[in-house]
Amino acid sequence: MDHLDGNVLAGPLGAVLAFEPTTAEGQCRGCGDVAVLAQAVVYGQPMGFVLRCRVCDDVLMVVVERDGRASVNVRGMRWVAGRDRLDPISGIEGR
């Protein structure tokens, strides 16, 4: 199956998070790699996305879109931290 990079998550995760998702940094629970989400390996599914670690291929995050809502499971990450805050109304980055 072909994969995408983490930049594809800007839309789905931007609607859920208060920070720019592609510049957010996280740590893999499996191998401890720390990277920005844009560097994750992403597989698109009919209802959402599966993010995998660029180093060990463990599942980091699952994003499911259904009925106009997004659900995010980050069980494969130790932590995730945003760098650039998004304006809640416009969705534009603000520091």
PDB file of N, CA and C in Angstrom:
ATOM      1  N   MET A   1       0.843  -1.176   0.000  1.00  0.00           N
ATOM      2  CA  MET A   1       0.000   0.000   0.000  1.00  0.00           C
ATOM      3  C   MET A   1       0.886   1.237   0.000  1.00  0.00           C
ATOM      4  N   ASP A   2       0.577   2.196  -0.847  1.00  0.00           N
ATOM      5  CA  ASP A   2       1.323   3.447  -0.895  1.00  0.00           C
ATOM      6  C   ASP A   2       1.066   4.261   0.364  1.00  0.00           C
ATOM      7  N   HIS A   3       2.094   5.007   0.781  1.00  0.00           N
ATOM      8  CA  HIS A   3       1.920   5.841   1.967  1.00  0.00           C
ATOM      9  C   HIS A   3       2.125   7.312   1.622  1.00  0.00           C
ATOM     10  N   LEU A   4       1.675   8.150   2.531  1.00  0.00           N
ATOM     11  CA  LEU A   4       1.779   9.599   2.426  1.00  0.00           C
ATOM     12  C   LEU A   4       2.684  10.088   3.546  1.00  0.00           C
ATOM     13  N   ASP A   5       2.965  11.386   3.594  1.00  0.00           N
ATOM     14  CA  ASP A   5       3.680  11.914   4.761  1.00  0.00           C
ATOM     15  C   ASP A   5       2.686  12.630   5.672  1.00  0.00           C
ATOM     16  N   GLY A   6       3.156  13.011   6.841  1.00  0.00           N
ATOM     17  CA  GLY A   6       2.287  13.585   7.859  1.00  0.00           C
ATOM     18  C   GLY A   6       1.633  14.905   7.499  1.00  0.00           C
ATOM     19  N   ASN A   7       2.088  15.557   6.438  1.00  0.00           N
ATOM     20  CA  ASN A   7       1.467  16.825   6.035  1.00  0.00           C
ATOM     21  C   ASN A   7       0.011  16.653   5.631  1.00  0.00           C
ATOM     22  N   VAL A   8      -0.381  15.439   5.254  1.00  0.00           N
ATOM     23  CA  VAL A   8      -1.760  15.179   4.853  1.00  0.00           C
ATOM     24  C   VAL A   8      -2.732  15.371   6.025  1.00  0.00           C
ATOM     25  N   LEU A   9      -2.205  15.421   7.244  1.00  0.00           N
ATOM     26  CA  LEU A   9      -3.047  15.533   8.438  1.00  0.00           C
ATOM     27  C   LEU A   9      -3.394  16.965   8.822  1.00  0.00           C
ATOM     28  N   ALA A  10      -2.898  17.929   8.089  1.00  0.00           N
ATOM     29  CA  ALA A  10      -3.152  19.331   8.436  1.00  0.00           C
ATOM     30  C   ALA A  10      -4.641  19.620   8.560  1.00  0.00           C
ATOM     31  N   GLY A  11      -5.442  19.132   7.653  1.00  0.00           N
ATOM     32  CA  GLY A  11      -6.889  19.378   7.697  1.00  0.00           C
ATOM     33  C   GLY A  11      -7.594  18.629   8.807  1.00  0.00           C
ATOM     34  N   PRO A  12      -7.527  17.281   8.808  1.00  0.00           N
ATOM     35  CA  PRO A  12      -8.264  16.518   9.816  1.00  0.00           C
ATOM     36  C   PRO A  12      -7.846  16.828  11.254  1.00  0.00           C
ATOM     37  N   LEU A  13      -6.552  16.937  11.523  1.00  0.00           N
ATOM     38  CA  LEU A  13      -6.106  17.204  12.896  1.00  0.00           C
ATOM     39  C   LEU A  13      -6.219  18.680  13.260  1.00  0.00           C
ATOM     40  N   GLY A  14      -6.098  19.563  12.277  1.00  0.00           N
ATOM     41  CA  GLY A  14      -6.223  20.995  12.548  1.00  0.00           C
ATOM     42  C   GLY A  14      -7.584  21.357  13.107  1.00  0.00           C
ATOM     43  N   ALA A  15      -8.595  20.569  12.756  1.00  0.00           N
ATOM     44  CA  ALA A  15      -9.946  20.814  13.263  1.00  0.00           C
ATOM     45  C   ALA A  15     -10.104  20.376  14.713  1.00  0.00           C
ATOM     46  N   VAL A  16      -9.196  19.537  15.205  1.00  0.00           N
ATOM     47  CA  VAL A  16      -9.299  18.980  16.556  1.00  0.00           C
ATOM     48  C   VAL A  16      -8.322  19.645  17.524  1.00  0.00           C
ATOM     49  N   LEU A  17      -7.132  19.968  17.057  1.00  0.00           N
ATOM     50  CA  LEU A  17      -6.068  20.474  17.919  1.00  0.00           C
ATOM     51  C   LEU A  17      -5.995  21.996  17.897  1.00  0.00           C
ATOM     52  N   ALA A  18      -5.443  22.566  18.943  1.00  0.00           N
ATOM     53  CA  ALA A  18      -5.290  24.023  19.042  1.00  0.00           C
ATOM     54  C   ALA A  18      -3.940  24.473  18.495  1.00  0.00           C
ATOM     55  N   PHE A  19      -3.193  23.551  17.878  1.00  0.00           N
ATOM     56  CA  PHE A  19      -1.902  23.901  17.305  1.00  0.00           C
ATOM     57  C   PHE A  19      -1.766  23.261  15.932  1.00  0.00           C
ATOM     58  N   GLU A  20      -0.838  23.792  15.147  1.00  0.00           N
ATOM     59  CA  GLU A  20      -0.586  23.301  13.796  1.00  0.00           C
ATOM     60  C   GLU A  20      -0.076  21.857  13.871  1.00  0.00           C
ATOM     61  N   PRO A  21      -0.824  20.879  13.378  1.00  0.00           N
ATOM     62  CA  PRO A  21      -0.455  19.477  13.545  1.00  0.00           C
ATOM     63  C   PRO A  21       0.813  19.057  12.812  1.00  0.00           C
ATOM     64  N   THR A  22       1.120  19.648  11.674  1.00  0.00           N
ATOM     65  CA  THR A  22       2.291  19.193  10.925  1.00  0.00           C
ATOM     66  C   THR A  22       3.605  19.606  11.576  1.00  0.00           C
ATOM     67  N   THR A  23       3.586  20.644  12.417  1.00  0.00           N
ATOM     68  CA  THR A  23       4.804  21.053  13.123  1.00  0.00           C
ATOM     69  C   THR A  23       4.827  20.543  14.562  1.00  0.00           C
ATOM     70  N   ALA A  24       3.774  19.842  14.976  1.00  0.00           N
ATOM     71  CA  ALA A  24       3.742  19.266  16.325  1.00  0.00           C
ATOM     72  C   ALA A  24       4.786  18.157  16.412  1.00  0.00           C
ATOM     73  N   GLU A  25       5.380  18.018  17.569  1.00  0.00           N
ATOM     74  CA  GLU A  25       6.414  17.023  17.796  1.00  0.00           C
ATOM     75  C   GLU A  25       5.866  15.951  18.721  1.00  0.00           C
ATOM     76  N   GLY A  26       6.288  14.712  18.517  1.00  0.00           N
ATOM     77  CA  GLY A  26       5.839  13.629  19.376  1.00  0.00           C
ATOM     78  C   GLY A  26       6.904  12.565  19.525  1.00  0.00           C
ATOM     79  N   GLN A  27       6.715  11.702  20.545  1.00  0.00           N
ATOM     80  CA  GLN A  27       7.665  10.619  20.795  1.00  0.00           C
ATOM     81  C   GLN A  27       6.972   9.277  20.648  1.00  0.00           C
ATOM     82  N   CYS A  28       7.596   8.373  19.892  1.00  0.00           N
ATOM     83  CA  CYS A  28       7.082   7.024  19.695  1.00  0.00           C
ATOM     84  C   CYS A  28       7.213   6.238  20.995  1.00  0.00           C
ATOM     85  N   ARG A  29       6.139   5.590  21.404  1.00  0.00           N
ATOM     86  CA  ARG A  29       6.154   4.769  22.610  1.00  0.00           C
ATOM     87  C   ARG A  29       7.018   3.517  22.408  1.00  0.00           C
ATOM     88  N   GLY A  30       7.117   3.036  21.169  1.00  0.00           N
ATOM     89  CA  GLY A  30       7.862   1.809  20.888  1.00  0.00           C
ATOM     90  C   GLY A  30       9.369   1.971  20.925  1.00  0.00           C
ATOM     91  N   CYS A  31       9.899   2.927  20.147  1.00  0.00           N
ATOM     92  CA  CYS A  31      11.355   3.049  20.028  1.00  0.00           C
ATOM     93  C   CYS A  31      11.922   4.326  20.634  1.00  0.00           C
ATOM     94  N   GLY A  32      11.064   5.279  20.994  1.00  0.00           N
ATOM     95  CA  GLY A  32      11.533   6.519  21.608  1.00  0.00           C
ATOM     96  C   GLY A  32      11.928   7.606  20.628  1.00  0.00           C
ATOM     97  N   ASP A  33      11.776   7.369  19.322  1.00  0.00           N
ATOM     98  CA  ASP A  33      12.117   8.392  18.332  1.00  0.00           C
ATOM     99  C   ASP A  33      11.249   9.632  18.543  1.00  0.00           C
ATOM    100  N   VAL A  34      11.870  10.798  18.440  1.00  0.00           N
ATOM    101  CA  VAL A  34      11.159  12.071  18.543  1.00  0.00           C
ATOM    102  C   VAL A  34      11.216  12.740  17.172  1.00  0.00           C
ATOM    103  N   ALA A  35      10.050  13.122  16.656  1.00  0.00           N
ATOM    104  CA  ALA A  35       9.991  13.749  15.333  1.00  0.00           C
ATOM    105  C   ALA A  35       8.727  14.584  15.215  1.00  0.00           C
ATOM    106  N   VAL A  36       8.709  15.479  14.229  1.00  0.00           N
ATOM    107  CA  VAL A  36       7.484  16.215  13.944  1.00  0.00           C
ATOM    108  C   VAL A  36       6.534  15.276  13.208  1.00  0.00           C
ATOM    109  N   LEU A  37       5.232  15.498  13.370  1.00  0.00           N
ATOM    110  CA  LEU A  37       4.243  14.608  12.764  1.00  0.00           C
ATOM    111  C   LEU A  37       4.333  14.587  11.243  1.00  0.00           C
ATOM    112  N   ALA A  38       4.824  15.661  10.637  1.00  0.00           N
ATOM    113  CA  ALA A  38       4.966  15.695   9.180  1.00  0.00           C
ATOM    114  C   ALA A  38       5.930  14.625   8.678  1.00  0.00           C
ATOM    115  N   GLN A  39       6.798  14.101   9.556  1.00  0.00           N
ATOM    116  CA  GLN A  39       7.757  13.074   9.159  1.00  0.00           C
ATOM    117  C   GLN A  39       7.217  11.659   9.329  1.00  0.00           C
ATOM    118  N   ALA A  40       6.033  11.520   9.894  1.00  0.00           N
ATOM    119  CA  ALA A  40       5.445  10.189  10.089  1.00  0.00           C
ATOM    120  C   ALA A  40       5.056   9.583   8.747  1.00  0.00           C
ATOM    121  N   VAL A  41       5.001   8.265   8.713  1.00  0.00           N
ATOM    122  CA  VAL A  41       4.515   7.542   7.541  1.00  0.00           C
ATOM    123  C   VAL A  41       3.009   7.388   7.731  1.00  0.00           C
ATOM    124  N   VAL A  42       2.226   7.856   6.772  1.00  0.00           N
ATOM    125  CA  VAL A  42       0.768   7.876   6.914  1.00  0.00           C
ATOM    126  C   VAL A  42       0.126   7.014   5.837  1.00  0.00           C
ATOM    127  N   TYR A  43      -0.811   6.175   6.265  1.00  0.00           N
ATOM    128  CA  TYR A  43      -1.597   5.369   5.339  1.00  0.00           C
ATOM    129  C   TYR A  43      -3.028   5.864   5.404  1.00  0.00           C
ATOM    130  N   GLY A  44      -3.585   6.207   4.241  1.00  0.00           N
ATOM    131  CA  GLY A  44      -4.959   6.680   4.182  1.00  0.00           C
ATOM    132  C   GLY A  44      -5.922   5.517   4.100  1.00  0.00           C
ATOM    133  N   GLN A  45      -6.981   5.607   4.846  1.00  0.00           N
ATOM    134  CA  GLN A  45      -8.037   4.605   4.853  1.00  0.00           C
ATOM    135  C   GLN A  45      -9.327   5.289   4.427  1.00  0.00           C
ATOM    136  N   PRO A  46     -10.352   4.544   4.058  1.00  0.00           N
ATOM    137  CA  PRO A  46     -11.608   5.182   3.660  1.00  0.00           C
ATOM    138  C   PRO A  46     -12.184   6.125   4.721  1.00  0.00           C
ATOM    139  N   MET A  47     -12.001   5.811   6.003  1.00  0.00           N
ATOM    140  CA  MET A  47     -12.590   6.637   7.067  1.00  0.00           C
ATOM    141  C   MET A  47     -11.561   7.454   7.833  1.00  0.00           C
ATOM    142  N   GLY A  48     -10.280   7.352   7.485  1.00  0.00           N
ATOM    143  CA  GLY A  48      -9.301   8.100   8.250  1.00  0.00           C
ATOM    144  C   GLY A  48      -7.874   7.768   7.880  1.00  0.00           C
ATOM    145  N   PHE A  49      -6.965   7.971   8.851  1.00  0.00           N
ATOM    146  CA  PHE A  49      -5.542   7.810   8.608  1.00  0.00           C
ATOM    147  C   PHE A  49      -4.882   7.031   9.742  1.00  0.00           C
ATOM    148  N   VAL A  50      -3.829   6.276   9.395  1.00  0.00           N
ATOM    149  CA  VAL A  50      -2.999   5.580  10.370  1.00  0.00           C
ATOM    150  C   VAL A  50      -1.592   6.141  10.228  1.00  0.00           C
ATOM    151  N   LEU A  51      -1.042   6.692  11.324  1.00  0.00           N
ATOM    152  CA  LEU A  51       0.325   7.220  11.328  1.00  0.00           C
ATOM    153  C   LEU A  51       1.245   6.188  11.939  1.00  0.00           C
ATOM    154  N   ARG A  52       2.360   5.939  11.267  1.00  0.00           N
ATOM    155  CA  ARG A  52       3.343   4.984  11.768  1.00  0.00           C
ATOM    156  C   ARG A  52       4.682   5.676  11.973  1.00  0.00           C
ATOM    157  N   CYS A  53       5.430   5.168  12.938  1.00  0.00           N
ATOM    158  CA  CYS A  53       6.755   5.705  13.247  1.00  0.00           C
ATOM    159  C   CYS A  53       7.675   5.536  12.038  1.00  0.00           C
ATOM    160  N   ARG A  54       8.443   6.566  11.745  1.00  0.00           N
ATOM    161  CA  ARG A  54       9.371   6.530  10.615  1.00  0.00           C
ATOM    162  C   ARG A  54      10.545   5.594  10.864  1.00  0.00           C
ATOM    163  N   VAL A  55      10.800   5.242  12.142  1.00  0.00           N
ATOM    164  CA  VAL A  55      11.936   4.396  12.491  1.00  0.00           C
ATOM    165  C   VAL A  55      11.530   2.934  12.678  1.00  0.00           C
ATOM    166  N   CYS A  56      10.547   2.671  13.562  1.00  0.00           N
ATOM    167  CA  CYS A  56      10.208   1.286  13.917  1.00  0.00           C
ATOM    168  C   CYS A  56       8.895   0.793  13.315  1.00  0.00           C
ATOM    169  N   ASP A  57       8.139   1.659  12.651  1.00  0.00           N
ATOM    170  CA  ASP A  57       6.880   1.313  11.984  1.00  0.00           C
ATOM    171  C   ASP A  57       5.731   1.003  12.948  1.00  0.00           C
ATOM    172  N   ASP A  58       5.884   1.265  14.248  1.00  0.00           N
ATOM    173  CA  ASP A  58       4.765   1.103  15.187  1.00  0.00           C
ATOM    174  C   ASP A  58       3.680   2.130  14.864  1.00  0.00           C
ATOM    175  N   VAL A  59       2.428   1.800  15.194  1.00  0.00           N
ATOM    176  CA  VAL A  59       1.326   2.746  15.007  1.00  0.00           C
ATOM    177  C   VAL A  59       1.432   3.830  16.074  1.00  0.00           C
ATOM    178  N   LEU A  60       1.529   5.084  15.647  1.00  0.00           N
ATOM    179  CA  LEU A  60       1.597   6.222  16.561  1.00  0.00           C
ATOM    180  C   LEU A  60       0.212   6.775  16.867  1.00  0.00           C
ATOM    181  N   MET A  61      -0.591   6.916  15.814  1.00  0.00           N
ATOM    182  CA  MET A  61      -1.858   7.614  15.945  1.00  0.00           C
ATOM    183  C   MET A  61      -2.830   7.093  14.892  1.00  0.00           C
ATOM    184  N   VAL A  62      -4.110   7.078  15.259  1.00  0.00           N
ATOM    185  CA  VAL A  62      -5.176   6.758  14.311  1.00  0.00           C
ATOM    186  C   VAL A  62      -6.157   7.923  14.334  1.00  0.00           C
ATOM    187  N   VAL A  63      -6.467   8.456  13.160  1.00  0.00           N
ATOM    188  CA  VAL A  63      -7.412   9.562  13.030  1.00  0.00           C
ATOM    189  C   VAL A  63      -8.585   9.058  12.196  1.00  0.00           C
ATOM    190  N   VAL A  64      -9.779   9.083  12.779  1.00  0.00           N
ATOM    191  CA  VAL A  64     -10.979   8.603  12.092  1.00  0.00           C
ATOM    192  C   VAL A  64     -11.957   9.760  11.940  1.00  0.00           C
ATOM    193  N   GLU A  65     -12.431   9.962  10.728  1.00  0.00           N
ATOM    194  CA  GLU A  65     -13.439  10.995  10.458  1.00  0.00           C
ATOM    195  C   GLU A  65     -14.763  10.306  10.165  1.00  0.00           C
ATOM    196  N   ARG A  66     -15.797  10.720  10.906  1.00  0.00           N
ATOM    197  CA  ARG A  66     -17.112  10.104  10.740  1.00  0.00           C
ATOM    198  C   ARG A  66     -18.193  11.089  11.174  1.00  0.00           C
ATOM    199  N   ASP A  67     -19.211  11.208  10.370  1.00  0.00           N
ATOM    200  CA  ASP A  67     -20.336  12.098  10.676  1.00  0.00           C
ATOM    201  C   ASP A  67     -19.881  13.525  10.984  1.00  0.00           C
ATOM    202  N   GLY A  68     -18.869  14.005  10.261  1.00  0.00           N
ATOM    203  CA  GLY A  68     -18.392  15.369  10.455  1.00  0.00           C
ATOM    204  C   GLY A  68     -17.551  15.580  11.695  1.00  0.00           C
ATOM    205  N   ARG A  69     -17.168  14.502  12.356  1.00  0.00           N
ATOM    206  CA  ARG A  69     -16.350  14.590  13.574  1.00  0.00           C
ATOM    207  C   ARG A  69     -15.074  13.796  13.385  1.00  0.00           C
ATOM    208  N   ALA A  70     -14.023  14.223  14.060  1.00  0.00           N
ATOM    209  CA  ALA A  70     -12.749  13.508  14.008  1.00  0.00           C
ATOM    210  C   ALA A  70     -12.449  12.918  15.380  1.00  0.00           C
ATOM    211  N   SER A  71     -12.059  11.651  15.398  1.00  0.00           N
ATOM    212  CA  SER A  71     -11.614  10.987  16.629  1.00  0.00           C
ATOM    213  C   SER A  71     -10.132  10.687  16.475  1.00  0.00           C
ATOM    214  N   VAL A  72      -9.366  10.934  17.539  1.00  0.00           N
ATOM    215  CA  VAL A  72      -7.923  10.754  17.487  1.00  0.00           C
ATOM    216  C   VAL A  72      -7.491   9.819  18.608  1.00  0.00           C
ATOM    217  N   ASN A  73      -6.774   8.751  18.253  1.00  0.00           N
ATOM    218  CA  ASN A  73      -6.220   7.824  19.228  1.00  0.00           C
ATOM    219  C   ASN A  73      -4.705   7.955  19.151  1.00  0.00           C
ATOM    220  N   VAL A  74      -4.075   8.355  20.250  1.00  0.00           N
ATOM    221  CA  VAL A  74      -2.622   8.562  20.275  1.00  0.00           C
ATOM    222  C   VAL A  74      -1.933   7.558  21.198  1.00  0.00           C
ATOM    223  N   ARG A  75      -2.488   6.389  21.301  1.00  0.00           N
ATOM    224  CA  ARG A  75      -1.976   5.363  22.205  1.00  0.00           C
ATOM    225  C   ARG A  75      -0.516   4.992  21.931  1.00  0.00           C
ATOM    226  N   GLY A  76      -0.058   5.137  20.694  1.00  0.00           N
ATOM    227  CA  GLY A  76       1.308   4.764  20.342  1.00  0.00           C
ATOM    228  C   GLY A  76       2.338   5.847  20.594  1.00  0.00           C
ATOM    229  N   MET A  77       1.915   6.961  21.213  1.00  0.00           N
ATOM    230  CA  MET A  77       2.840   8.057  21.478  1.00  0.00           C
ATOM    231  C   MET A  77       2.975   8.289  22.978  1.00  0.00           C
ATOM    232  N   ARG A  78       4.191   8.578  23.406  1.00  0.00           N
ATOM    233  CA  ARG A  78       4.404   8.942  24.816  1.00  0.00           C
ATOM    234  C   ARG A  78       3.881  10.341  25.074  1.00  0.00           C
ATOM    235  N   TRP A  79       4.108  11.237  24.122  1.00  0.00           N
ATOM    236  CA  TRP A  79       3.633  12.611  24.247  1.00  0.00           C
ATOM    237  C   TRP A  79       3.571  13.248  22.866  1.00  0.00           C
ATOM    238  N   VAL A  80       2.797  14.294  22.764  1.00  0.00           N
ATOM    239  CA  VAL A  80       2.729  15.120  21.558  1.00  0.00           C
ATOM    240  C   VAL A  80       2.617  16.571  22.019  1.00  0.00           C
ATOM    241  N   ALA A  81       3.395  17.456  21.396  1.00  0.00           N
ATOM    242  CA  ALA A  81       3.422  18.858  21.812  1.00  0.00           C
ATOM    243  C   ALA A  81       3.356  19.759  20.589  1.00  0.00           C
ATOM    244  N   GLY A  82       2.517  20.788  20.679  1.00  0.00           N
ATOM    245  CA  GLY A  82       2.375  21.735  19.580  1.00  0.00           C
ATOM    246  C   GLY A  82       3.369  22.867  19.687  1.00  0.00           C
ATOM    247  N   ARG A  83       3.796  23.349  18.543  1.00  0.00           N
ATOM    248  CA  ARG A  83       4.719  24.487  18.488  1.00  0.00           C
ATOM    249  C   ARG A  83       3.977  25.763  18.130  1.00  0.00           C
ATOM    250  N   ASP A  84       3.187  25.691  17.076  1.00  0.00           N
ATOM    251  CA  ASP A  84       2.518  26.874  16.537  1.00  0.00           C
ATOM    252  C   ASP A  84       1.028  26.797  16.810  1.00  0.00           C
ATOM    253  N   ARG A  85       0.520  27.745  17.591  1.00  0.00           N
ATOM    254  CA  ARG A  85      -0.911  27.759  17.928  1.00  0.00           C
ATOM    255  C   ARG A  85      -1.727  28.212  16.727  1.00  0.00           C
ATOM    256  N   LEU A  86      -2.928  27.651  16.614  1.00  0.00           N
ATOM    257  CA  LEU A  86      -3.862  28.057  15.571  1.00  0.00           C
ATOM    258  C   LEU A  86      -4.918  28.973  16.163  1.00  0.00           C
ATOM    259  N   ASP A  87      -5.287  30.000  15.431  1.00  0.00           N
ATOM    260  CA  ASP A  87      -6.400  30.851  15.836  1.00  0.00           C
ATOM    261  C   ASP A  87      -7.668  30.008  15.734  1.00  0.00           C
ATOM    262  N   PRO A  88      -8.471  29.916  16.816  1.00  0.00           N
ATOM    263  CA  PRO A  88      -9.641  29.036  16.814  1.00  0.00           C
ATOM    264  C   PRO A  88     -10.709  29.414  15.794  1.00  0.00           C
ATOM    265  N   ILE A  89     -10.728  30.647  15.343  1.00  0.00           N
ATOM    266  CA  ILE A  89     -11.756  31.072  14.390  1.00  0.00           C
ATOM    267  C   ILE A  89     -11.269  30.941  12.947  1.00  0.00           C
ATOM    268  N   SER A  90     -10.093  31.475  12.667  1.00  0.00           N
ATOM    269  CA  SER A  90      -9.611  31.479  11.283  1.00  0.00           C
ATOM    270  C   SER A  90      -8.834  30.224  10.919  1.00  0.00           C
ATOM    271  N   GLY A  91      -8.262  29.528  11.929  1.00  0.00           N
ATOM    272  CA  GLY A  91      -7.422  28.373  11.645  1.00  0.00           C
ATOM    273  C   GLY A  91      -6.029  28.760  11.167  1.00  0.00           C
ATOM    274  N   ILE A  92      -5.686  30.048  11.266  1.00  0.00           N
ATOM    275  CA  ILE A  92      -4.390  30.544  10.818  1.00  0.00           C
ATOM    276  C   ILE A  92      -3.416  30.529  11.985  1.00  0.00           C
ATOM    277  N   GLU A  93      -2.162  30.170  11.684  1.00  0.00           N
ATOM    278  CA  GLU A  93      -1.137  30.122  12.721  1.00  0.00           C
ATOM    279  C   GLU A  93      -0.924  31.480  13.357  1.00  0.00           C
ATOM    280  N   GLY A  94      -0.723  31.461  14.667  1.00  0.00           N
ATOM    281  CA  GLY A  94      -0.353  32.647  15.419  1.00  0.00           C
ATOM    282  C   GLY A  94       0.624  32.224  16.491  1.00  0.00           C
ATOM    283  N   ARG A  95       1.597  32.986  16.759  1.00  0.00           N
ATOM    284  CA  ARG A  95       2.627  32.545  17.714  1.00  0.00           C
ATOM    285  C   ARG A  95       2.447  33.169  19.037  1.00  0.00           C
TER     286      ARG A  95
END
